[in-house]
Protein backbone atom coordinates (compact mmCIF):
# COMPACT_ATOMS: atom_id res chain seq x y z
CA MET A 1 -59.55 28.33 6.68
CA SER A 2 -56.64 30.04 8.85
CA LYS A 3 -53.96 28.33 10.51
CA GLU A 4 -53.24 28.23 14.40
CA LYS A 5 -50.67 30.32 15.34
CA ASP A 6 -47.18 28.94 15.97
CA THR A 7 -45.77 30.28 19.14
CA SER A 8 -42.82 27.85 18.71
CA LYS A 9 -41.07 30.52 16.25
CA LEU A 10 -38.31 32.51 18.24
CA TRP A 11 -39.54 35.36 15.63
CA GLY A 12 -43.10 34.87 15.56
CA GLY A 13 -44.85 37.65 17.64
CA ARG A 14 -45.60 39.67 14.10
CA PHE A 15 -47.29 36.41 12.50
CA SER A 16 -50.78 35.71 12.96
CA GLU A 17 -50.79 32.17 11.57
CA ALA A 18 -48.48 29.47 11.67
CA THR A 19 -46.06 28.99 8.81
CA ASP A 20 -47.32 26.64 5.96
CA ALA A 21 -45.46 23.03 6.58
CA PHE A 22 -43.89 23.10 2.87
CA VAL A 23 -42.69 26.53 3.13
CA GLN A 24 -41.35 25.65 6.35
CA ARG A 25 -39.14 22.78 5.06
CA PHE A 26 -38.49 24.98 1.78
CA THR A 27 -37.20 27.84 3.58
CA ALA A 28 -35.07 25.87 6.53
CA SER A 29 -31.47 25.46 6.21
CA VAL A 30 -30.58 23.51 9.14
CA THR A 31 -29.95 20.06 7.20
CA PHE A 32 -26.88 21.88 6.03
CA ASP A 33 -25.77 24.39 8.11
CA GLN A 34 -25.52 22.58 11.40
CA ARG A 35 -21.92 22.13 10.06
CA MET A 36 -21.31 25.69 11.26
CA ALA A 37 -22.59 24.84 14.99
CA ALA A 38 -19.00 25.40 16.30
CA GLU A 39 -18.66 28.82 15.11
CA ASP A 40 -22.12 29.85 15.70
CA ILE A 41 -20.95 28.63 19.24
CA ALA A 42 -17.78 30.71 19.44
CA GLY A 43 -19.38 33.97 18.11
CA SER A 44 -22.27 33.57 20.63
CA LEU A 45 -19.38 33.53 23.43
CA ALA A 46 -17.75 36.27 21.85
CA HIS A 47 -20.75 38.19 21.33
CA ALA A 48 -21.87 37.48 25.43
CA ARG A 49 -18.45 38.49 26.39
CA MET A 50 -18.65 41.68 24.80
CA LEU A 51 -22.17 42.56 26.22
CA HIS A 52 -20.75 42.24 29.72
CA SER A 53 -17.65 43.90 29.09
CA VAL A 54 -19.98 46.97 28.45
CA GLY A 55 -22.34 46.14 31.01
CA VAL A 56 -25.30 44.78 29.01
CA LEU A 57 -25.04 41.35 30.44
CA SER A 58 -24.37 40.53 34.21
CA ALA A 59 -21.35 38.40 35.55
CA GLN A 60 -24.02 36.00 36.50
CA GLU A 61 -25.71 36.26 33.01
CA LEU A 62 -22.76 35.81 31.18
CA ALA A 63 -21.50 32.85 33.56
CA GLU A 64 -25.02 31.10 32.60
CA ILE A 65 -24.63 31.66 29.05
CA GLU A 66 -21.32 30.20 28.99
CA ALA A 67 -22.24 27.05 30.54
CA GLY A 68 -25.47 26.51 28.68
CA LEU A 69 -23.65 26.78 25.54
CA ALA A 70 -21.11 24.46 26.76
CA GLN A 71 -23.45 21.78 27.24
CA VAL A 72 -25.15 22.45 23.81
CA GLN A 73 -21.67 21.83 22.08
CA GLN A 74 -21.57 19.04 24.38
CA GLU A 75 -24.99 17.69 22.88
CA ILE A 76 -23.93 18.56 19.45
CA ASN A 77 -20.47 16.74 19.85
CA GLU A 78 -22.48 13.37 21.19
CA GLY A 79 -24.68 13.58 18.51
CA SER A 80 -27.83 14.03 21.17
CA LEU A 81 -28.78 17.59 20.05
CA PRO A 82 -32.13 16.76 18.27
CA TRP A 83 -32.05 19.60 15.11
CA SER A 84 -35.26 20.80 14.30
CA ILE A 85 -36.68 22.23 11.01
CA GLU A 86 -39.36 23.89 12.62
CA LEU A 87 -36.48 26.22 13.96
CA GLU A 88 -35.09 27.04 10.52
CA ASP A 89 -31.50 27.42 11.15
CA VAL A 90 -28.26 26.56 13.04
CA HIS A 91 -28.60 29.71 14.97
CA MET A 92 -32.16 29.40 16.15
CA ASN A 93 -31.64 25.86 17.10
CA ILE A 94 -28.62 26.41 19.34
CA GLU A 95 -30.23 29.64 20.78
CA ALA A 96 -33.56 27.80 21.78
CA ARG A 97 -31.62 24.85 22.88
CA LEU A 98 -29.71 27.50 25.31
CA THR A 99 -33.14 28.82 26.58
CA GLU A 100 -34.35 25.51 27.44
CA LEU A 101 -31.09 24.83 29.56
CA ILE A 102 -30.83 28.10 31.42
CA GLY A 103 -34.13 30.02 30.92
CA ILE A 104 -34.86 33.83 30.28
CA THR A 105 -31.13 34.60 30.23
CA GLY A 106 -30.58 32.70 27.09
CA LYS A 107 -33.04 35.14 25.28
CA LYS A 108 -30.68 37.83 26.09
CA LEU A 109 -27.73 36.60 24.12
CA HIS A 110 -29.36 37.99 20.76
CA THR A 111 -29.18 41.40 22.22
CA GLY A 112 -27.58 43.54 19.71
CA ARG A 113 -26.86 41.08 17.40
CA SER A 114 -29.10 39.84 14.15
CA ARG A 115 -29.26 36.55 12.39
CA ASN A 116 -27.93 38.51 9.51
CA ASP A 117 -24.60 39.63 11.07
CA GLN A 118 -24.53 36.26 13.19
CA VAL A 119 -24.44 33.87 9.74
CA ALA A 120 -21.87 36.73 7.83
CA THR A 121 -19.71 35.71 10.91
CA ASP A 122 -20.04 32.32 11.11
CA ILE A 123 -19.62 31.39 7.67
CA ARG A 124 -16.58 33.67 7.19
CA LEU A 125 -15.32 31.50 10.57
CA HIS A 126 -16.05 28.53 8.69
CA LEU A 127 -14.04 29.17 5.52
CA ARG A 128 -11.19 30.73 7.24
CA ALA A 129 -10.56 27.43 9.47
CA ALA A 130 -11.66 25.65 6.11
CA ILE A 131 -9.01 27.94 4.18
CA ASP A 132 -6.10 26.55 6.78
CA THR A 133 -6.48 23.01 6.33
CA ILE A 134 -6.65 23.13 2.79
CA ALA A 135 -3.68 25.28 2.91
CA ALA A 136 -1.45 22.91 4.65
CA GLU A 137 -2.98 19.44 2.33
CA LEU A 138 -1.89 22.04 -0.80
CA THR A 139 1.70 22.38 1.10
CA ARG A 140 1.81 18.58 1.71
CA LEU A 141 1.12 18.16 -2.09
CA GLN A 142 3.80 20.55 -2.90
CA GLN A 143 6.28 19.19 -0.88
CA GLY A 144 5.36 15.82 -2.50
CA THR A 145 5.74 17.05 -5.76
CA ILE A 146 9.21 18.92 -5.20
CA GLY A 147 10.40 15.74 -3.51
CA LEU A 148 9.56 13.87 -6.72
CA ALA A 149 11.37 16.40 -8.68
CA GLU A 150 14.57 16.17 -6.53
CA ALA A 151 14.73 12.63 -7.19
CA ASN A 152 14.54 13.12 -11.42
CA THR A 153 16.69 15.92 -12.16
CA ASP A 154 18.59 14.00 -14.69
CA THR A 155 15.54 11.77 -15.81
CA ILE A 156 15.08 12.68 -19.53
CA MET A 157 11.55 12.86 -21.17
CA PRO A 158 10.43 14.48 -23.98
CA GLY A 159 8.43 18.04 -23.67
CA PHE A 160 5.43 18.40 -25.49
CA THR A 161 3.95 21.27 -27.34
CA HIS A 162 0.34 20.41 -29.52
CA LEU A 163 0.96 16.82 -27.59
CA GLN A 164 3.94 16.19 -29.86
CA THR A 165 7.34 15.63 -29.10
CA ALA A 166 9.06 18.95 -28.96
CA GLN A 167 12.33 19.26 -26.88
CA PRO A 168 13.54 16.97 -23.94
CA VAL A 169 13.45 17.93 -20.59
CA VAL A 170 14.02 16.22 -17.27
CA PHE A 171 11.34 14.95 -15.49
CA GLY A 172 12.33 17.32 -12.29
CA HIS A 173 11.82 20.22 -14.71
CA HIS A 174 8.01 19.02 -15.72
CA LEU A 175 7.10 18.44 -12.02
CA LEU A 176 8.62 21.99 -10.94
CA ALA A 177 6.00 23.28 -13.63
CA TRP A 178 3.31 21.75 -11.45
CA ASN A 179 4.77 23.18 -8.70
CA GLU A 180 4.25 26.72 -10.03
CA MET A 181 0.90 26.01 -10.93
CA LEU A 182 0.41 25.12 -6.91
CA GLU A 183 2.16 28.33 -5.92
CA ARG A 184 0.31 30.66 -7.57
CA ASP A 185 -2.80 28.71 -6.05
CA TYR A 186 -1.57 28.92 -2.55
CA GLY A 187 -0.88 32.61 -2.88
CA ARG A 188 -4.42 33.23 -4.22
CA LEU A 189 -5.86 31.17 -1.27
CA MET A 190 -3.81 33.47 1.08
CA ASP A 191 -5.12 36.52 -0.50
CA CYS A 192 -8.51 35.15 -0.23
CA ARG A 193 -8.05 34.50 3.46
CA ALA A 194 -6.76 37.84 4.17
CA ARG A 195 -10.26 39.51 2.85
CA LEU A 196 -12.17 37.53 4.61
CA ASN A 197 -11.00 37.89 7.86
CA GLN A 198 -12.94 41.10 9.11
CA SER A 199 -15.58 40.55 11.71
CA PRO A 200 -19.03 41.83 10.51
CA LEU A 201 -20.46 41.11 14.00
CA GLY A 202 -22.02 44.23 15.33
CA ALA A 203 -23.54 45.21 12.11
CA ALA A 204 -26.94 43.57 13.49
CA ALA A 205 -29.79 43.31 10.76
CA LEU A 206 -28.01 46.18 8.53
CA ALA A 207 -27.80 49.43 10.04
CA GLY A 208 -25.82 48.81 13.49
CA THR A 209 -27.47 48.70 17.03
CA THR A 210 -28.39 51.01 19.57
CA TYR A 211 -26.59 49.09 22.25
CA PRO A 212 -22.89 50.44 23.43
CA ILE A 213 -21.07 47.42 21.50
CA ASP A 214 -17.52 46.77 21.11
CA ARG A 215 -16.93 45.22 17.79
CA ALA A 216 -13.16 45.42 18.17
CA HIS A 217 -13.42 43.54 21.16
CA THR A 218 -15.43 40.44 19.34
CA ALA A 219 -13.06 41.00 16.19
CA ALA A 220 -9.99 40.23 18.44
CA ALA A 221 -11.57 37.30 20.39
CA LEU A 222 -12.70 35.65 17.00
CA GLY A 223 -9.12 35.99 15.40
CA PHE A 224 -10.48 38.67 12.75
CA ASP A 225 -8.19 41.45 11.88
CA LYS A 226 -10.48 43.84 12.31
CA PRO A 227 -14.02 44.78 12.29
CA THR A 228 -15.84 45.69 8.76
CA GLU A 229 -16.36 48.99 8.02
CA ASN A 230 -19.85 49.42 6.93
CA SER A 231 -22.77 47.59 8.44
CA LEU A 232 -24.75 47.42 4.67
CA ASP A 233 -22.09 45.66 3.48
CA SER A 234 -21.08 43.53 6.25
CA VAL A 235 -24.37 41.54 6.15
CA SER A 236 -24.95 41.34 2.17
CA ASP A 237 -21.00 40.61 1.52
CA ARG A 238 -20.11 37.11 -0.12
CA ASP A 239 -17.36 38.26 -2.33
CA PHE A 240 -15.29 35.95 -0.08
CA ALA A 241 -17.17 32.67 -0.65
CA ILE A 242 -16.91 33.71 -4.51
CA GLU A 243 -13.14 34.52 -4.13
CA PHE A 244 -12.42 30.91 -2.31
CA CYS A 245 -14.50 29.25 -5.00
CA ALA A 246 -12.50 31.05 -7.90
CA PHE A 247 -9.18 29.89 -6.64
CA ALA A 248 -10.97 26.46 -6.42
CA ALA A 249 -11.75 26.23 -9.94
CA LEU A 250 -8.12 27.52 -10.95
CA LEU A 251 -6.84 24.94 -8.67
CA LEU A 252 -8.93 21.97 -9.92
CA THR A 253 -8.41 23.17 -13.28
CA HIS A 254 -4.57 22.57 -12.64
CA LEU A 255 -5.21 19.31 -10.95
CA SER A 256 -7.20 18.42 -13.96
CA ARG A 257 -4.39 19.01 -16.33
CA MET A 258 -1.76 17.01 -14.12
CA SER A 259 -4.48 14.30 -13.84
CA GLU A 260 -4.79 14.38 -17.85
CA GLU A 261 -0.97 13.90 -18.42
CA LEU A 262 -0.87 11.35 -15.54
CA VAL A 263 -3.66 9.31 -17.39
CA LEU A 264 -1.97 9.64 -20.24
CA TRP A 265 1.32 8.21 -18.75
CA THR A 266 0.22 5.09 -17.40
CA SER A 267 -1.22 4.07 -20.98
CA ALA A 268 0.58 1.33 -22.70
CA GLN A 269 1.47 4.05 -25.27
CA PHE A 270 3.21 6.18 -23.16
CA ASN A 271 4.29 3.97 -20.18
CA PHE A 272 6.12 7.01 -18.76
CA ILE A 273 5.23 6.25 -15.11
CA GLU A 274 3.08 3.52 -12.88
CA LEU A 275 0.75 4.43 -10.36
CA PRO A 276 0.75 2.28 -7.03
CA ASP A 277 -2.28 -0.40 -7.14
CA ARG A 278 -3.89 1.80 -4.42
CA PHE A 279 -4.62 4.52 -6.58
CA CYS A 280 -6.24 2.81 -9.68
CA THR A 281 -8.88 0.02 -9.65
CA GLY A 282 -9.44 -2.80 -12.35
CA SER A 283 -12.01 -3.67 -14.74
CA SER A 284 -14.80 -6.15 -14.27
CA ILE A 285 -14.48 -7.68 -17.70
CA MET A 286 -11.32 -7.33 -18.86
CA PRO A 287 -8.50 -8.79 -16.15
CA GLN A 288 -5.42 -6.64 -17.73
CA LYS A 289 -6.82 -3.39 -16.91
CA LYS A 290 -5.34 -1.14 -14.13
CA ASN A 291 -7.18 2.17 -14.75
CA PRO A 292 -6.11 5.43 -13.05
CA ASP A 293 -9.13 6.00 -11.38
CA VAL A 294 -7.92 8.69 -8.98
CA PRO A 295 -6.83 11.54 -11.20
CA GLU A 296 -9.50 10.49 -13.56
CA LEU A 297 -12.16 11.21 -10.97
CA VAL A 298 -10.24 14.54 -9.78
CA ARG A 299 -10.14 15.23 -13.55
CA GLY A 300 -13.93 15.14 -13.38
CA LYS A 301 -14.57 17.10 -10.14
CA VAL A 302 -13.38 20.67 -12.11
CA GLY A 303 -16.89 20.53 -13.61
CA ARG A 304 -18.55 20.56 -10.25
CA VAL A 305 -16.57 23.25 -8.70
CA ASN A 306 -16.76 25.43 -11.92
CA GLY A 307 -20.73 24.93 -11.74
CA HIS A 308 -20.42 26.23 -8.02
CA LEU A 309 -18.41 29.74 -9.05
CA ILE A 310 -21.23 30.40 -11.79
CA SER A 311 -23.80 29.27 -9.06
CA LEU A 312 -22.62 32.04 -6.32
CA LEU A 313 -21.95 34.62 -9.12
CA THR A 314 -25.22 34.19 -10.65
CA LEU A 315 -26.80 34.10 -6.51
CA MET A 316 -25.14 37.58 -5.96
CA LYS A 317 -25.70 39.40 -9.52
CA SER A 318 -28.90 41.14 -8.99
CA GLN A 319 -29.38 41.26 -4.93
CA PRO A 320 -29.95 44.85 -3.66
CA LEU A 321 -28.56 46.24 -0.15
CA ALA A 322 -28.38 44.42 2.37
CA TYR A 323 -29.27 40.92 3.28
CA ASN A 324 -31.82 38.63 1.18
CA LYS A 325 -33.08 35.49 1.88
CA ASP A 326 -31.31 34.55 -1.54
CA ASN A 327 -28.29 34.10 0.41
CA GLN A 328 -29.06 30.84 2.10
CA GLU A 329 -28.25 29.37 -1.48
CA ASP A 330 -24.38 30.51 -0.62
CA LYS A 331 -23.76 27.68 1.55
CA GLU A 332 -24.19 24.44 -0.42
CA PRO A 333 -22.20 25.56 -3.21
CA LEU A 334 -19.56 26.64 -1.01
CA PHE A 335 -19.78 23.56 1.45
CA ASP A 336 -19.25 21.12 -1.13
CA THR A 337 -16.20 23.09 -2.90
CA ILE A 338 -14.76 23.19 0.61
CA ASP A 339 -15.12 19.39 0.77
CA THR A 340 -14.14 19.01 -3.00
CA VAL A 341 -11.09 20.61 -2.60
CA PHE A 342 -9.69 19.11 0.29
CA ASP A 343 -10.72 15.40 -1.17
CA CYS A 344 -9.03 16.06 -4.30
CA LEU A 345 -5.70 17.60 -2.26
CA ARG A 346 -5.18 14.67 -0.19
CA ALA A 347 -5.78 12.52 -2.82
CA PHE A 348 -2.87 14.12 -4.65
CA ALA A 349 -0.75 14.83 -1.87
CA ASP A 350 -0.95 10.84 -1.39
CA MET A 351 -0.41 9.94 -4.80
CA VAL A 352 2.16 12.10 -6.05
CA PRO A 353 4.91 11.26 -4.12
CA ALA A 354 4.12 7.32 -5.06
CA ILE A 355 4.80 7.91 -8.38
CA ARG A 356 7.18 5.62 -10.15
CA PRO A 357 9.02 7.07 -12.94
CA ARG A 358 9.89 4.82 -15.92
CA ALA A 359 13.24 6.51 -17.05
CA GLU A 360 14.16 4.09 -19.81
CA ALA A 361 10.62 4.47 -21.84
CA MET A 362 10.68 8.38 -21.12
CA ARG A 363 14.29 8.30 -22.72
CA GLU A 364 13.43 6.37 -25.40
CA ALA A 365 10.49 8.38 -26.39
CA ALA A 366 12.69 11.48 -26.43
CA ARG A 367 15.40 9.73 -28.56
CA ARG A 368 12.60 8.78 -31.03
CA GLY A 369 10.88 11.93 -31.34
CA PHE A 370 13.74 14.07 -33.04
CA SER A 371 13.55 16.17 -30.05
CA THR A 372 16.98 17.60 -30.50
CA ALA A 373 15.99 19.49 -33.92
CA THR A 374 16.47 22.68 -32.29
CA ASP A 375 19.44 21.79 -30.65
CA LEU A 376 21.07 21.23 -34.29
CA ALA A 377 19.59 24.68 -35.73
CA ASP A 378 20.95 26.31 -33.00
CA TYR A 379 24.30 24.40 -33.66
CA LEU A 380 24.31 25.80 -37.40
CA VAL A 381 23.32 29.38 -36.28
CA ARG A 382 26.47 29.53 -34.16
CA GLN A 383 28.29 28.41 -37.40
CA GLY A 384 27.06 31.14 -38.91
CA LEU A 385 24.05 30.27 -40.61
CA PRO A 386 20.98 32.67 -40.08
CA PHE A 387 18.21 31.00 -37.75
CA ARG A 388 15.82 30.89 -40.74
CA ASP A 389 18.10 28.96 -43.09
CA ALA A 390 19.45 26.35 -40.09
CA HIS A 391 15.52 25.79 -39.82
CA GLU A 392 15.11 24.59 -43.31
CA VAL A 393 17.93 22.34 -43.51
CA VAL A 394 17.16 20.96 -39.89
CA GLY A 395 13.83 20.36 -41.22
CA LYS A 396 15.17 18.57 -44.47
CA ALA A 397 16.88 16.35 -42.20
CA VAL A 398 14.27 15.53 -40.12
CA ALA A 399 12.48 14.35 -43.16
CA HIS A 400 15.16 12.11 -44.35
CA GLY A 401 14.91 10.99 -40.52
CA VAL A 402 11.53 9.97 -40.98
CA ASP A 403 11.95 8.38 -44.38
CA SER A 404 14.92 6.48 -42.95
CA GLY A 405 13.82 5.65 -39.52
CA GLN A 406 16.48 7.16 -38.03
CA ASP A 407 17.21 9.37 -35.33
CA LEU A 408 19.35 12.81 -35.85
CA ALA A 409 22.04 11.72 -33.56
CA GLU A 410 22.06 8.22 -35.46
CA MET A 411 22.71 9.62 -38.67
CA SER A 412 26.61 9.73 -40.23
CA LEU A 413 28.32 12.77 -40.35
CA ASP A 414 28.25 12.48 -44.29
CA THR A 415 24.67 12.16 -44.38
CA LEU A 416 24.27 15.20 -42.02
CA GLN A 417 26.93 17.41 -44.37
CA GLY A 418 24.98 16.28 -47.09
CA PHE A 419 22.23 18.78 -45.77
CA CYS A 420 24.86 21.49 -44.95
CA ALA A 421 28.59 21.43 -45.36
CA ASP A 422 28.94 23.44 -42.08
CA ILE A 423 28.34 20.61 -40.08
CA GLY A 424 31.29 19.29 -38.23
CA GLU A 425 32.28 15.93 -36.00
CA ASP A 426 31.17 18.39 -32.83
CA VAL A 427 27.83 18.21 -33.83
CA PHE A 428 26.97 15.22 -32.20
CA ALA A 429 27.41 16.72 -28.85
CA VAL A 430 24.64 18.98 -29.31
CA LEU A 431 22.17 15.73 -30.27
CA THR A 432 22.18 13.66 -27.36
CA LEU A 433 19.72 13.97 -25.06
CA GLU A 434 22.13 15.02 -22.21
CA GLY A 435 23.87 17.49 -24.08
CA SER A 436 20.32 18.90 -25.15
CA VAL A 437 19.14 19.10 -21.48
CA ALA A 438 22.35 20.51 -20.21
CA ALA A 439 22.90 23.09 -22.42
CA ARG A 440 19.43 25.05 -21.01
CA ASP A 441 21.52 25.93 -18.05
CA HIS A 442 19.95 29.41 -17.10
CA LEU A 443 17.29 30.32 -14.78
CA GLY A 444 14.24 28.79 -15.82
CA GLY A 445 15.86 25.88 -17.85
CA THR A 446 15.55 22.41 -17.64
CA ALA A 447 19.53 21.74 -17.17
CA PRO A 448 19.65 18.90 -14.42
CA ALA A 449 21.89 22.19 -12.12
CA GLN A 450 18.84 24.59 -12.77
CA VAL A 451 16.46 21.87 -11.85
CA ALA A 452 17.96 20.99 -8.44
CA ALA A 453 18.35 24.80 -7.38
CA ALA A 454 15.00 25.45 -8.72
CA ALA A 455 13.76 22.49 -6.29
CA GLY A 456 15.96 24.35 -3.28
CA ARG A 457 14.20 27.35 -3.69
CA ALA A 458 11.08 26.22 -3.76
CA ARG A 459 11.69 24.12 -0.84
CA ALA A 460 12.94 27.39 0.54
CA ARG A 461 9.48 29.35 -0.15
CA LEU A 462 7.72 26.16 1.51
CA ALA A 463 9.31 26.66 4.67
CA GLU A 464 8.92 30.41 4.88
CA ARG A 465 5.09 29.50 5.09
């Protein structure tokens, strides 16, 4: 039994029967792409004004379209626009409402464009705005990280390799390592923005249009650097979405690494820092618990974002040119990635400046982990001992310390000279934690003066943005 023809579709002239109700729901995207409504209206205004500039629309028609789109935007802002699945997507919903408001002139808006270049434009505009918001939040996190580092240029803690005490560092140096990760993330984000900031509007369905359009006009009006070069690529390219998700996956990987350290440091076994109560929760059964839920949840979000990156890569891997319906699946992973990245950055930007280091606990952990063993080896090398021999001497001294419960700095001179007669009274200057960190006085080192200078350079980079 054939279905009655559906005349409500803006593209329905070719079809002799209505779309199946399930297929209609299955193929509709308006439930999630309506978040691009503001971008869709901005693109339509730029397109209409360009059409007027080249003589396709009259001044009166342009004025009607501008007034109608303003009314549609107001209805969206007020929540009174009735979004319809029957109209499939954000573009058709807005165009249909515009036509209801201003009549036949509304039907002229789509002259010289297609939903293919329309959605490609909308999604670039939406992502560009999101990138700007995320960049600001990433900068805020870096400001907080640098500020905490500046306050802790001489707070000594153990540095780790293999999660074993390695050498003493200062807490500010560790925090600036976080900032270096974030600085690279910011660079990748700006690279992504630069590559996406080209206008596909005017590519139409795939081959361009026969109307005398001015693509440079719409590109400039929408804040793009220039129009895209090839109409086929313009409507089918989603590299920018994949690149953003790749940035997001790396950023969340970095935040996850930071989260892991925060979780460890707040534990009773480390006790290096305290997080304010507002970033933690309690246990329903154990009253003593203070759980670092914010860093734990951020650590968990990385799997979600990694999944979205793989989803988009897989989505695009087998698509022939040009546009395919597959690309409807690009928006939900991208939108969720945008939201997840922003929320994680906001949580960290609020939390990091509020971290309270427990300096004594950090110092004691560094003192008890033989963290100045390499300093003793370097001392012996300066006394003329080959490094490998010095390494063996220090290894024996550490083994004695493990057995006796003494750190190297706690051993007597006689005890140390029992391992090597070249050790003199001046050795204790290099076995102190302060002496160890101060000795790393070069670019990138953990000496307090170097850390303070590095923090200053990091602040200067932020000021240049």
